């Protein structure tokens, strides 16, 4: 069995690349204020998207765009500051992971959490990944409570 491919054929490495690109695109969306469709189109042409899962990338971005208010409200109780005051990269990671927690039950919460920490290590502030880990761990306990409790046994 190929360790980078799930039994259902999902390429895990391509999904990871899609998440990394999605964080970059969310950052651009937050900073630039462009419509999400414009950001997606720009990334399709400017980034090396043939090695990423483009369908997953677009689902993540469209989903965050559609549900941003709900996602922000979901993790807000676990922040030590206002959502707008969170570093833009970390805010992008929180929104992306919150979307996956809520709308992608096919992805285990531990995968989402690990990917969020890793992408924050890559693009975020020096210790931003510890902040992300703490916030998302509490969000997972809330939004994925059954799965979270089962994993803790």
Protein backbone atom coordinates (compact mmCIF):
# COMPACT_ATOMS: atom_id res chain seq x y z
CA UNK A 1 0.00 0.00 0.00
CA UNK A 2 1.26 3.49 -0.86
CA UNK A 3 1.62 5.50 2.40
CA UNK A 4 0.75 8.76 0.64
CA UNK A 5 -2.52 7.43 -0.80
CA UNK A 6 -5.63 6.44 1.15
CA UNK A 7 -7.46 3.22 0.25
CA UNK A 8 -10.15 5.37 -1.42
CA UNK A 9 -7.52 6.83 -3.76
CA UNK A 10 -7.07 10.23 -2.07
CA UNK A 11 -3.48 11.47 -2.52
CA UNK A 12 -2.49 12.69 0.95
CA UNK A 13 0.58 14.58 -0.26
CA UNK A 14 -1.52 16.47 -2.82
CA UNK A 15 -4.02 17.32 -0.06
CA UNK A 16 -1.19 18.67 2.12
CA UNK A 17 0.02 20.83 -0.76
CA UNK A 18 -3.57 22.02 -1.32
CA UNK A 19 -3.76 23.09 2.33
CA UNK A 20 -0.45 24.98 2.12
CA UNK A 21 -1.61 26.78 -1.02
CA UNK A 22 -4.99 27.45 0.59
CA UNK A 23 -3.34 29.14 3.58
CA UNK A 24 -1.38 31.34 1.19
CA UNK A 25 -4.54 32.14 -0.77
CA UNK A 26 -6.51 32.90 2.41
CA UNK A 27 -3.74 35.22 3.52
CA UNK A 28 -3.91 37.02 0.16
CA UNK A 29 -7.72 37.19 0.41
CA UNK A 30 -7.61 38.64 3.93
CA UNK A 31 -4.93 41.21 3.08
CA UNK A 32 -6.02 42.12 -0.45
CA UNK A 33 -9.76 42.18 0.01
CA UNK A 34 -10.41 40.62 -3.40
CA UNK A 35 -13.36 38.33 -4.09
CA UNK A 36 -12.55 34.69 -3.38
CA UNK A 37 -13.22 33.72 -7.00
CA UNK A 38 -10.52 36.19 -8.07
CA UNK A 39 -8.05 34.79 -5.55
CA UNK A 40 -8.73 31.23 -6.69
CA UNK A 41 -8.22 32.20 -10.32
CA UNK A 42 -4.96 34.01 -9.52
CA UNK A 43 -3.63 30.99 -7.63
CA UNK A 44 -4.65 28.62 -10.40
CA UNK A 45 -2.43 30.58 -12.79
CA UNK A 46 0.40 31.77 -10.56
CA UNK A 47 1.08 28.85 -8.24
CA UNK A 48 2.36 25.38 -8.98
CA UNK A 49 -1.07 23.83 -8.63
CA UNK A 50 -0.58 20.70 -10.73
CA UNK A 51 1.02 18.96 -7.75
CA UNK A 52 -1.80 19.96 -5.38
CA UNK A 53 -5.32 18.60 -5.13
CA UNK A 54 -6.98 21.52 -6.95
CA UNK A 55 -10.53 20.38 -6.16
CA UNK A 56 -9.74 20.21 -2.45
CA UNK A 57 -7.98 23.59 -2.62
CA UNK A 58 -11.04 25.19 -4.17
CA UNK A 59 -13.42 23.48 -1.72
CA UNK A 60 -11.42 24.81 1.22
CA UNK A 61 -11.37 28.38 -0.10
CA UNK A 62 -15.00 28.48 -1.15
CA UNK A 63 -16.03 26.91 2.12
CA UNK A 64 -14.11 29.41 4.23
CA UNK A 65 -15.53 32.27 2.17
CA UNK A 66 -19.09 30.99 2.56
CA UNK A 67 -18.85 30.23 6.30
CA UNK A 68 -16.25 32.71 7.58
CA UNK A 69 -18.57 34.27 10.17
CA UNK A 70 -19.55 30.90 11.63
CA UNK A 71 -15.94 29.68 11.60
CA UNK A 72 -14.65 32.80 13.36
CA UNK A 73 -17.43 32.55 15.95
CA UNK A 74 -16.52 28.92 16.54
CA UNK A 75 -12.91 29.49 17.52
CA UNK A 76 -13.34 32.97 19.03
CA UNK A 77 -14.07 31.63 22.57
CA UNK A 78 -10.66 29.94 22.55
CA UNK A 79 -8.68 33.05 21.57
CA UNK A 80 -6.92 35.44 23.92
CA UNK A 81 -7.65 38.37 21.59
CA UNK A 82 -10.14 39.46 18.95
CA UNK A 83 -10.16 37.49 15.68
CA UNK A 84 -9.05 40.61 13.77
CA UNK A 85 -5.99 40.88 16.04
CA UNK A 86 -4.74 37.36 15.30
CA UNK A 87 -1.73 37.30 12.96
CA UNK A 88 -3.07 37.01 9.38
CA UNK A 89 -1.28 33.72 8.68
CA UNK A 90 -2.51 32.22 11.93
CA UNK A 91 -6.03 33.52 11.24
CA UNK A 92 -5.92 31.86 7.80
CA UNK A 93 -4.82 28.58 9.40
CA UNK A 94 -7.56 28.78 12.05
CA UNK A 95 -10.23 29.44 9.44
CA UNK A 96 -9.02 26.63 7.21
CA UNK A 97 -8.86 24.09 10.05
CA UNK A 98 -12.21 25.21 11.45
CA UNK A 99 -13.77 24.67 8.02
CA UNK A 100 -12.33 21.17 7.84
CA UNK A 101 -13.47 20.36 11.39
CA UNK A 102 -17.03 21.45 10.60
CA UNK A 103 -17.51 20.52 6.95
CA UNK A 104 -15.01 17.76 6.17
CA UNK A 105 -15.90 14.90 8.51
CA UNK A 106 -14.05 12.59 6.11
CA UNK A 107 -10.78 14.05 7.42
CA UNK A 108 -9.81 12.93 10.94
CA UNK A 109 -9.46 15.79 13.40
CA UNK A 110 -5.88 14.73 14.22
CA UNK A 111 -4.90 15.08 10.56
CA UNK A 112 -6.43 18.56 10.45
CA UNK A 113 -4.70 19.57 13.66
CA UNK A 114 -1.31 18.20 12.56
CA UNK A 115 -1.52 19.84 9.14
CA UNK A 116 -2.47 23.18 10.74
CA UNK A 117 0.51 23.02 13.10
CA UNK A 118 2.89 22.09 10.29
CA UNK A 119 1.73 24.83 7.93
CA UNK A 120 1.99 27.36 10.77
CA UNK A 121 5.55 26.23 11.47
CA UNK A 122 6.30 26.83 7.80
CA UNK A 123 4.59 30.20 7.28
CA UNK A 124 3.71 31.60 10.70
CA UNK A 125 5.50 33.37 13.51
CA UNK A 126 8.19 31.57 15.54
CA UNK A 127 5.88 30.12 18.18
CA UNK A 128 2.60 30.55 16.34
CA UNK A 129 2.20 26.79 15.98
CA UNK A 130 1.82 26.36 19.74
CA UNK A 131 -0.97 28.96 19.77
CA UNK A 132 -2.67 27.26 16.81
CA UNK A 133 -2.35 23.87 18.49
CA UNK A 134 -3.98 25.12 21.70
CA UNK A 135 -6.88 26.87 19.98
CA UNK A 136 -7.60 24.03 17.58
CA UNK A 137 -7.32 21.35 20.24
CA UNK A 138 -10.09 23.08 22.18
CA UNK A 139 -12.14 23.61 19.01
CA UNK A 140 -11.78 19.92 18.15
CA UNK A 141 -12.98 18.97 21.63
CA UNK A 142 -16.06 21.11 20.98
CA UNK A 143 -16.85 20.48 17.30
CA UNK A 144 -15.58 16.90 17.04
CA UNK A 145 -16.35 15.85 20.60
CA UNK A 146 -17.16 12.17 19.91
CA UNK A 147 -14.07 11.65 17.76
CA UNK A 148 -11.94 13.70 20.16
CA UNK A 149 -13.01 11.69 23.23
CA UNK A 150 -12.53 8.38 21.41
CA UNK A 151 -8.98 9.37 20.44
CA UNK A 152 -8.16 10.30 24.05
CA UNK A 153 -9.03 6.85 25.44
